[in-house]
Amino acid sequence: MSGRAESTARGAANAGAGRAGAGKRMPVVVVEGNKTQRALLRRVLEAEGDIEVVGEATNGAEAVDVVRRTRPKAVTLDLQIEGGGIEAIAALMAARPTPILVLSVAVQGVWSTRAVDALAAGAADVLPKPPRWDKTAEATVRDRVRAMARVRVRPTPSAPVRTPPAPVERGARLVALAASTGGPAALAHVLAGLAGVSAPVLVVQHLHPDFMAGFVTWLGHASAIPVKAARAGERLKAGTAYVAPGHVHLRVGPGPSAVLDPRPEAIHRPSADELFRSVAAQAGAGAVGVLLTGMGSDGAAGLLAIRQAGGTTLAQDESTSAVFGMPQAAVKAGAAAQVLPLDELAAAVLAALAAPVR
């Protein structure tokens, strides 16, 4: 979920999957306080015949009731509703967990931190409501909704006890984590278990660039180690997590140090493949790569580079992934040496760091 280019490409990639069940429409509930907007969303969603709006609600209480009765595959939700959109997400996830796509103008510009609040509350994805409902905008919304059918909802982790950064040692190893859809909660869960980690931790999360600052702040509250946005040329410290900013790739250079580069202009920017390949080049057998939940195949080739360099490669299993696309691509490529449930990944990272480099 890195930005406009990824949104469009990912939507196009998933559109076919969404329409695959010919004759079987995807049931969706629309939570929107404005009557005109509800009617417009119904028209947009049902335009191609494979999505059916089975219920509407104007606030959180109504949403819980409608979702319980209709059991939709997905919910679209505007944050600007009576009683509060964040509260509505929490209520829905407590009453009947369902993939929620936040579709709201309240996640743009100065309100972008609310997008992270929505993800933290349990929303599966966030999309700014388009200023103009042209054909491209309408197709993007439909594709994002279709993608919700592939999402498994999971509870969010609780905040752990924070530990200070570990001292930097000569030849320190490197840990790289990457995720897309469902990634914020998964990353928070893994980072919560990395207290005392003896290596720098580098993070790529596909997310709209406007949401990255808020995401880093939120992730820091959930993590057992300090979390910060990576800065170009910064010396990487063991026991600290560095998150790739939006619109640039995060790589590791000599030192080790952070390298930020907008090239290549790929669908995923930041790219898991770019990070993993650089980690393989700098750390070799001392690298640990972890590929978490997400759509598509970003990260599979890079994880394979780490494995071929002698490093440790881990992937999240299907049962705990919101979407098994990225981990599955790594498995098919022979890149993932271990496929583990989310709860076991942090321990596996620490175990790999404790073992001698072969």
Protein backbone atom coordinates (compact mmCIF):
# COMPACT_ATOMS: atom_id res chain seq x y z
CA MET A 1 0.00 0.00 0.00
CA SER A 2 2.73 2.40 -0.83
CA GLY A 3 0.95 5.07 -2.91
CA ARG A 4 -0.95 5.99 -6.02
CA ALA A 5 1.08 3.83 -8.41
CA GLU A 6 0.86 0.80 -6.17
CA SER A 7 -2.82 1.42 -5.46
CA THR A 8 -3.63 1.37 -9.15
CA ALA A 9 -1.41 -1.57 -10.02
CA ARG A 10 -2.43 -3.65 -7.04
CA GLY A 11 -6.07 -2.93 -7.77
CA ALA A 12 -5.67 -4.02 -11.37
CA ALA A 13 -3.91 -7.19 -10.29
CA ASN A 14 -6.70 -8.11 -7.93
CA ALA A 15 -9.61 -7.08 -10.10
CA GLY A 16 -9.62 -10.37 -11.97
CA ALA A 17 -9.58 -12.33 -8.75
CA GLY A 18 -12.50 -10.28 -7.46
CA ARG A 19 -14.58 -11.05 -10.55
CA ALA A 20 -13.60 -14.71 -10.69
CA GLY A 21 -16.72 -15.96 -8.97
CA ALA A 22 -19.06 -15.39 -11.89
CA GLY A 23 -22.67 -15.12 -10.78
CA LYS A 24 -21.72 -14.73 -7.11
CA ARG A 25 -21.68 -11.15 -5.93
CA MET A 26 -19.51 -9.94 -3.05
CA PRO A 27 -21.69 -8.61 -0.19
CA VAL A 28 -20.56 -5.25 1.21
CA VAL A 29 -21.90 -2.89 3.90
CA VAL A 30 -21.45 0.88 3.46
CA VAL A 31 -21.05 3.00 6.62
CA GLU A 32 -21.46 6.63 5.61
CA GLY A 33 -23.30 9.49 7.31
CA ASN A 34 -24.12 11.45 4.16
CA LYS A 35 -27.15 10.19 2.21
CA THR A 36 -25.84 11.47 -1.12
CA GLN A 37 -22.48 9.80 -0.57
CA ARG A 38 -24.16 6.51 0.36
CA ALA A 39 -26.12 6.53 -2.87
CA LEU A 40 -23.00 7.40 -4.87
CA LEU A 41 -20.99 4.61 -3.23
CA ARG A 42 -23.73 2.09 -3.92
CA ARG A 43 -23.71 3.08 -7.59
CA VAL A 44 -19.90 2.94 -7.82
CA LEU A 45 -19.56 -0.41 -6.05
CA GLU A 46 -22.35 -2.14 -7.96
CA ALA A 47 -21.38 -0.73 -11.38
CA GLU A 48 -19.73 -3.91 -12.68
CA GLY A 49 -22.16 -6.41 -11.20
CA ASP A 50 -19.80 -8.41 -8.96
CA ILE A 51 -20.33 -6.38 -5.76
CA GLU A 52 -23.63 -6.01 -3.92
CA VAL A 53 -24.30 -3.45 -1.19
CA VAL A 54 -26.34 -5.54 1.24
CA GLY A 55 -26.66 -2.91 3.95
CA GLU A 56 -26.06 0.70 4.88
CA ALA A 57 -25.41 2.44 8.19
CA THR A 58 -24.88 6.02 9.34
CA ASN A 59 -23.08 5.41 12.65
CA GLY A 60 -21.22 2.76 14.62
CA ALA A 61 -24.22 1.29 16.43
CA GLU A 62 -26.14 0.86 13.18
CA ALA A 63 -23.05 -0.60 11.55
CA VAL A 64 -22.68 -3.30 14.19
CA ASP A 65 -26.35 -4.25 13.81
CA VAL A 66 -26.25 -4.32 9.99
CA VAL A 67 -23.00 -6.29 9.85
CA ARG A 68 -24.28 -8.86 12.33
CA ARG A 69 -27.42 -9.37 10.25
CA THR A 70 -25.94 -9.35 6.76
CA ARG A 71 -22.47 -10.95 7.38
CA PRO A 72 -20.73 -9.04 4.55
CA LYS A 73 -17.33 -9.87 3.10
CA ALA A 74 -16.22 -6.27 3.61
CA VAL A 75 -17.23 -2.90 5.06
CA THR A 76 -16.47 0.57 3.68
CA LEU A 77 -16.42 3.16 6.44
CA ASP A 78 -16.15 6.94 6.54
CA LEU A 79 -14.40 8.26 9.66
CA GLN A 80 -16.66 11.32 9.77
CA ILE A 81 -19.75 9.61 11.14
CA GLU A 82 -21.84 10.15 14.25
CA GLY A 83 -20.09 8.71 17.30
CA GLY A 84 -16.70 8.62 15.55
CA GLY A 85 -15.26 6.38 12.86
CA ILE A 86 -12.39 5.02 14.98
CA GLU A 87 -14.88 4.01 17.66
CA ALA A 88 -17.04 2.35 15.01
CA ILE A 89 -14.07 0.30 13.76
CA ALA A 90 -13.31 -0.89 17.29
CA ALA A 91 -16.96 -1.78 17.88
CA LEU A 92 -17.21 -3.73 14.62
CA MET A 93 -14.02 -5.66 15.29
CA ALA A 94 -15.27 -6.56 18.77
CA ALA A 95 -18.76 -7.56 17.64
CA ARG A 96 -18.08 -9.28 14.31
CA PRO A 97 -14.56 -8.95 12.89
CA THR A 98 -14.83 -8.03 9.20
CA PRO A 99 -12.32 -6.54 6.75
CA ILE A 100 -12.84 -2.77 6.84
CA LEU A 101 -11.77 -0.35 4.11
CA VAL A 102 -11.71 3.17 5.48
CA LEU A 103 -12.80 5.52 2.70
CA SER A 104 -12.71 9.07 3.98
CA VAL A 105 -11.51 12.62 3.36
CA ALA A 106 -10.49 12.60 7.05
CA VAL A 107 -7.25 10.74 6.27
CA GLN A 108 -5.78 13.41 3.99
CA GLY A 109 -3.26 16.16 4.68
CA VAL A 110 -3.09 17.27 8.32
CA TRP A 111 -5.48 14.47 9.29
CA SER A 112 -3.27 11.70 7.92
CA THR A 113 -2.48 10.44 11.44
CA ARG A 114 -6.10 9.31 11.63
CA ALA A 115 -5.32 6.76 8.93
CA VAL A 116 -2.85 5.11 11.29
CA ASP A 117 -5.36 5.33 14.14
CA ALA A 118 -7.84 3.49 11.91
CA LEU A 119 -5.30 0.76 11.09
CA ALA A 120 -4.43 0.44 14.78
CA ALA A 121 -8.12 0.07 15.63
CA GLY A 122 -8.41 -2.86 13.22
CA ALA A 123 -9.12 -1.48 9.73
CA ALA A 124 -7.57 -3.57 6.96
CA ASP A 125 -6.83 -0.70 4.58
CA VAL A 126 -7.24 3.06 4.22
CA LEU A 127 -8.00 5.05 1.08
CA PRO A 128 -8.54 8.82 0.82
CA LYS A 129 -11.95 9.58 -0.64
CA PRO A 130 -11.32 10.92 -4.15
CA PRO A 131 -11.91 14.64 -4.72
CA ARG A 132 -13.39 13.75 -8.12
CA TRP A 133 -15.31 10.56 -8.85
CA ASP A 134 -13.97 9.90 -12.32
CA LYS A 135 -13.66 6.44 -13.89
CA THR A 136 -10.16 5.87 -12.51
CA ALA A 137 -11.21 6.78 -8.96
CA GLU A 138 -14.29 4.57 -9.16
CA ALA A 139 -12.26 1.61 -10.44
CA THR A 140 -9.70 2.07 -7.65
CA VAL A 141 -12.39 1.96 -4.97
CA ARG A 142 -13.97 -1.18 -6.45
CA ASP A 143 -10.60 -2.91 -6.68
CA ARG A 144 -9.73 -2.06 -3.07
CA VAL A 145 -13.08 -3.43 -1.95
CA ARG A 146 -12.55 -6.63 -3.94
CA ALA A 147 -9.17 -7.01 -2.27
CA MET A 148 -10.89 -7.07 1.13
CA ALA A 149 -12.37 -10.48 0.28
CA ARG A 150 -8.84 -11.94 0.61
CA VAL A 151 -8.11 -10.37 4.00
CA ARG A 152 -8.18 -12.29 7.28
CA VAL A 153 -8.82 -10.06 10.26
CA ARG A 154 -6.62 -10.43 13.34
CA PRO A 155 -6.50 -8.77 16.79
CA THR A 156 -3.97 -5.99 17.33
CA PRO A 157 -1.09 -6.52 19.78
CA SER A 158 -0.80 -4.82 23.17
CA ALA A 159 2.05 -2.43 23.93
CA PRO A 160 5.17 -4.11 25.36
CA VAL A 161 7.88 -2.96 27.75
CA ARG A 162 10.49 -0.91 25.89
CA THR A 163 14.21 -1.68 26.14
CA PRO A 164 17.08 0.72 25.33
CA PRO A 165 19.19 0.29 22.19
CA ALA A 166 21.93 -2.32 22.39
CA PRO A 167 25.52 -1.16 21.89
CA VAL A 168 26.87 -1.31 18.34
CA GLU A 169 29.39 -4.09 17.81
CA ARG A 170 31.85 -4.65 15.00
CA GLY A 171 30.29 -6.97 12.41
CA ALA A 172 26.77 -6.42 13.76
CA ARG A 173 24.14 -8.39 11.91
CA LEU A 174 21.11 -6.99 10.11
CA VAL A 175 17.40 -7.79 10.41
CA ALA A 176 14.96 -6.78 7.65
CA LEU A 177 11.17 -6.95 7.94
CA ALA A 178 8.72 -6.28 5.10
CA ALA A 179 4.94 -6.27 4.83
CA SER A 180 1.98 -4.93 2.87
CA THR A 181 -1.74 -5.50 3.50
CA GLY A 182 -2.28 -6.40 7.16
CA GLY A 183 1.31 -5.40 7.85
CA PRO A 184 0.96 -2.70 10.53
CA ALA A 185 -0.49 -5.11 13.10
CA ALA A 186 1.91 -7.89 12.09
CA LEU A 187 4.95 -5.61 12.29
CA ALA A 188 3.84 -4.31 15.68
CA HIS A 189 3.50 -7.90 16.91
CA VAL A 190 7.00 -8.87 15.77
CA LEU A 191 8.66 -5.69 17.07
CA ALA A 192 6.92 -6.20 20.41
CA GLY A 193 8.90 -9.43 20.77
CA LEU A 194 12.33 -8.07 19.82
CA ALA A 195 13.39 -6.64 23.18
CA GLY A 196 17.20 -6.74 23.40
CA VAL A 197 17.68 -7.52 19.71
CA SER A 198 21.40 -7.36 18.92
CA ALA A 199 21.15 -5.91 15.40
CA PRO A 200 19.63 -2.95 13.56
CA VAL A 201 16.12 -3.72 12.33
CA LEU A 202 15.04 -2.29 8.96
CA VAL A 203 11.37 -2.09 8.02
CA VAL A 204 9.49 -1.73 4.74
CA GLN A 205 5.71 -1.32 4.90
CA HIS A 206 3.69 -0.61 1.77
CA LEU A 207 1.64 2.40 2.85
CA HIS A 208 0.47 5.68 1.36
CA PRO A 209 3.34 8.20 1.84
CA ASP A 210 1.04 10.66 3.63
CA PHE A 211 0.49 8.11 6.40
CA MET A 212 4.14 7.23 7.10
CA ALA A 213 4.90 9.78 9.81
CA GLY A 214 1.88 8.73 11.84
CA PHE A 215 2.66 5.08 11.21
CA VAL A 216 6.19 5.43 12.60
CA THR A 217 4.86 7.13 15.74
CA TRP A 218 2.18 4.49 16.26
CA LEU A 219 4.61 1.63 15.63
CA GLY A 220 6.97 3.10 18.21
CA HIS A 221 4.27 2.82 20.86
CA ALA A 222 3.71 -0.85 20.03
CA SER A 223 7.37 -1.83 19.75
CA ALA A 224 9.77 -3.11 22.41
CA ILE A 225 12.61 -1.17 20.75
CA PRO A 226 12.86 2.44 19.56
CA VAL A 227 11.35 3.08 16.11
CA LYS A 228 12.28 5.96 13.80
CA ALA A 229 12.03 6.98 10.16
CA ALA A 230 15.28 6.17 8.36
CA ARG A 231 17.44 9.15 7.33
CA ALA A 232 19.90 9.14 4.46
CA GLY A 233 23.46 8.42 5.58
CA GLU A 234 22.41 7.63 9.15
CA ARG A 235 24.60 5.10 10.97
CA LEU A 236 22.42 2.14 11.93
CA LYS A 237 22.38 1.16 15.62
CA ALA A 238 21.68 -2.28 17.03
CA GLY A 239 18.40 -2.41 18.93
CA THR A 240 16.69 0.30 16.87
CA ALA A 241 14.09 -0.13 14.11
CA TYR A 242 14.39 2.05 10.99
CA VAL A 243 11.28 2.47 8.82
CA ALA A 244 11.52 3.30 5.12
CA PRO A 245 9.89 6.68 4.35
CA GLY A 246 7.32 6.98 1.60
CA HIS A 247 8.29 7.31 -2.10
CA VAL A 248 11.90 6.12 -1.60
CA HIS A 249 13.64 2.76 -1.29
CA LEU A 250 15.52 1.94 1.89
CA ARG A 251 18.81 0.11 1.39
CA VAL A 252 21.77 -0.63 3.65
CA GLY A 253 25.16 0.78 2.77
CA PRO A 254 28.60 0.34 4.34
CA GLY A 255 28.91 1.17 8.01
CA PRO A 256 26.18 -0.05 8.14
CA SER A 257 24.28 3.06 7.13
CA ALA A 258 20.88 3.93 5.68
CA VAL A 259 20.65 4.68 1.96
CA LEU A 260 17.50 6.35 0.61
CA ASP A 261 16.96 6.34 -3.15
CA PRO A 262 13.84 7.14 -5.24
CA ARG A 263 15.15 4.95 -8.06
CA PRO A 264 13.94 2.71 -9.57
CA GLU A 265 10.40 4.05 -9.90
CA ALA A 266 8.80 0.69 -9.16
CA ILE A 267 5.21 -0.20 -8.28
CA HIS A 268 6.38 -0.69 -4.70
CA ARG A 269 8.41 2.21 -3.39
CA PRO A 270 9.74 1.43 -0.83
CA SER A 271 10.37 -2.10 -2.08
CA ALA A 272 10.99 -5.17 0.05
CA ASP A 273 13.16 -6.62 -2.72
CA GLU A 274 15.44 -3.56 -2.74
CA LEU A 275 15.88 -3.71 1.05
CA PHE A 276 16.44 -7.47 1.21
CA ARG A 277 19.01 -7.46 -1.62
CA SER A 278 21.04 -4.74 0.07
CA VAL A 279 20.91 -6.57 3.40
CA ALA A 280 22.15 -9.72 1.68
CA ALA A 281 25.02 -7.77 0.11
CA GLN A 282 26.08 -6.07 3.36
CA ALA A 283 25.53 -8.83 5.93
CA GLY A 284 25.65 -12.09 3.93
CA ALA A 285 25.25 -15.02 6.31
CA GLY A 286 24.61 -12.55 9.13
CA ALA A 287 21.37 -11.33 7.55
CA VAL A 288 17.90 -12.20 8.82
CA GLY A 289 14.98 -11.52 6.44
CA VAL A 290 11.34 -11.74 7.45
CA LEU A 291 8.50 -11.46 4.92
CA LEU A 292 5.10 -10.79 6.42
CA THR A 293 1.50 -10.60 5.21
CA GLY A 294 0.77 -8.75 1.97
CA MET A 295 -0.55 -8.88 -1.57
CA GLY A 296 1.61 -9.53 -4.60
CA SER A 297 5.17 -10.88 -4.73
CA ASP A 298 7.39 -8.02 -3.54
CA GLY A 299 10.12 -9.42 -1.30
CA ALA A 300 10.30 -12.95 -2.70
CA ALA A 301 13.34 -12.29 -4.94
CA GLY A 302 15.11 -10.28 -2.25
CA LEU A 303 14.48 -12.93 0.40
CA LEU A 304 15.94 -15.50 -1.97
CA ALA A 305 19.08 -13.33 -2.24
CA ILE A 306 19.44 -13.44 1.55
CA ARG A 307 19.05 -17.23 1.58
CA GLN A 308 21.58 -17.66 -1.22
CA ALA A 309 24.01 -15.47 0.76
CA GLY A 310 23.69 -17.89 3.70
CA GLY A 311 21.37 -15.75 5.81
CA THR A 312 18.24 -16.73 7.72
CA THR A 313 14.92 -16.36 5.88
CA LEU A 314 11.51 -16.45 7.53
CA ALA A 315 7.96 -16.02 6.22
CA GLN A 316 4.63 -15.64 7.98
CA ASP A 317 2.33 -18.63 7.55
CA GLU A 318 -1.04 -18.58 5.81
CA SER A 319 -3.15 -19.13 8.92
CA THR A 320 -1.95 -15.90 10.57
CA SER A 321 -1.52 -13.74 7.44
CA ALA A 322 -4.18 -11.21 6.52
CA VAL A 323 -3.17 -11.96 2.91
CA PHE A 324 -0.77 -14.81 2.09
CA GLY A 325 0.35 -13.37 -1.26
CA MET A 326 3.88 -12.14 -0.48
CA PRO A 327 4.85 -14.98 1.86
CA GLN A 328 3.40 -17.51 -0.57
CA ALA A 329 5.47 -16.06 -3.43
CA ALA A 330 8.58 -16.47 -1.27
CA VAL A 331 7.68 -20.07 -0.48
CA LYS A 332 7.15 -20.86 -4.17
CA ALA A 333 10.50 -19.26 -5.04
CA GLY A 334 12.32 -21.37 -2.44
CA ALA A 335 13.25 -18.20 -0.57
CA ALA A 336 11.72 -18.95 2.84
CA ALA A 337 13.69 -21.48 4.90
CA GLN A 338 11.04 -21.38 7.64
CA VAL A 339 7.32 -20.57 7.43
CA LEU A 340 6.03 -19.75 10.91
CA PRO A 341 2.93 -18.36 12.66
CA LEU A 342 3.12 -14.68 13.57
CA ASP A 343 3.54 -15.47 17.27
CA GLU A 344 6.77 -17.41 16.60
CA LEU A 345 8.59 -15.02 14.29
CA ALA A 346 10.20 -12.73 16.89
CA ALA A 347 11.63 -15.70 18.78
CA ALA A 348 12.96 -17.12 15.51
CA VAL A 349 14.71 -13.82 14.74
CA LEU A 350 16.35 -13.73 18.17
CA ALA A 351 17.39 -17.37 17.86
CA ALA A 352 18.99 -16.71 14.47
CA LEU A 353 20.95 -13.77 15.90
CA ALA A 354 22.12 -15.89 18.85
CA ALA A 355 23.50 -18.63 16.58
CA PRO A 356 27.04 -18.36 15.20
CA VAL A 357 27.39 -17.16 11.60
CA ARG A 358 28.18 -20.12 9.37
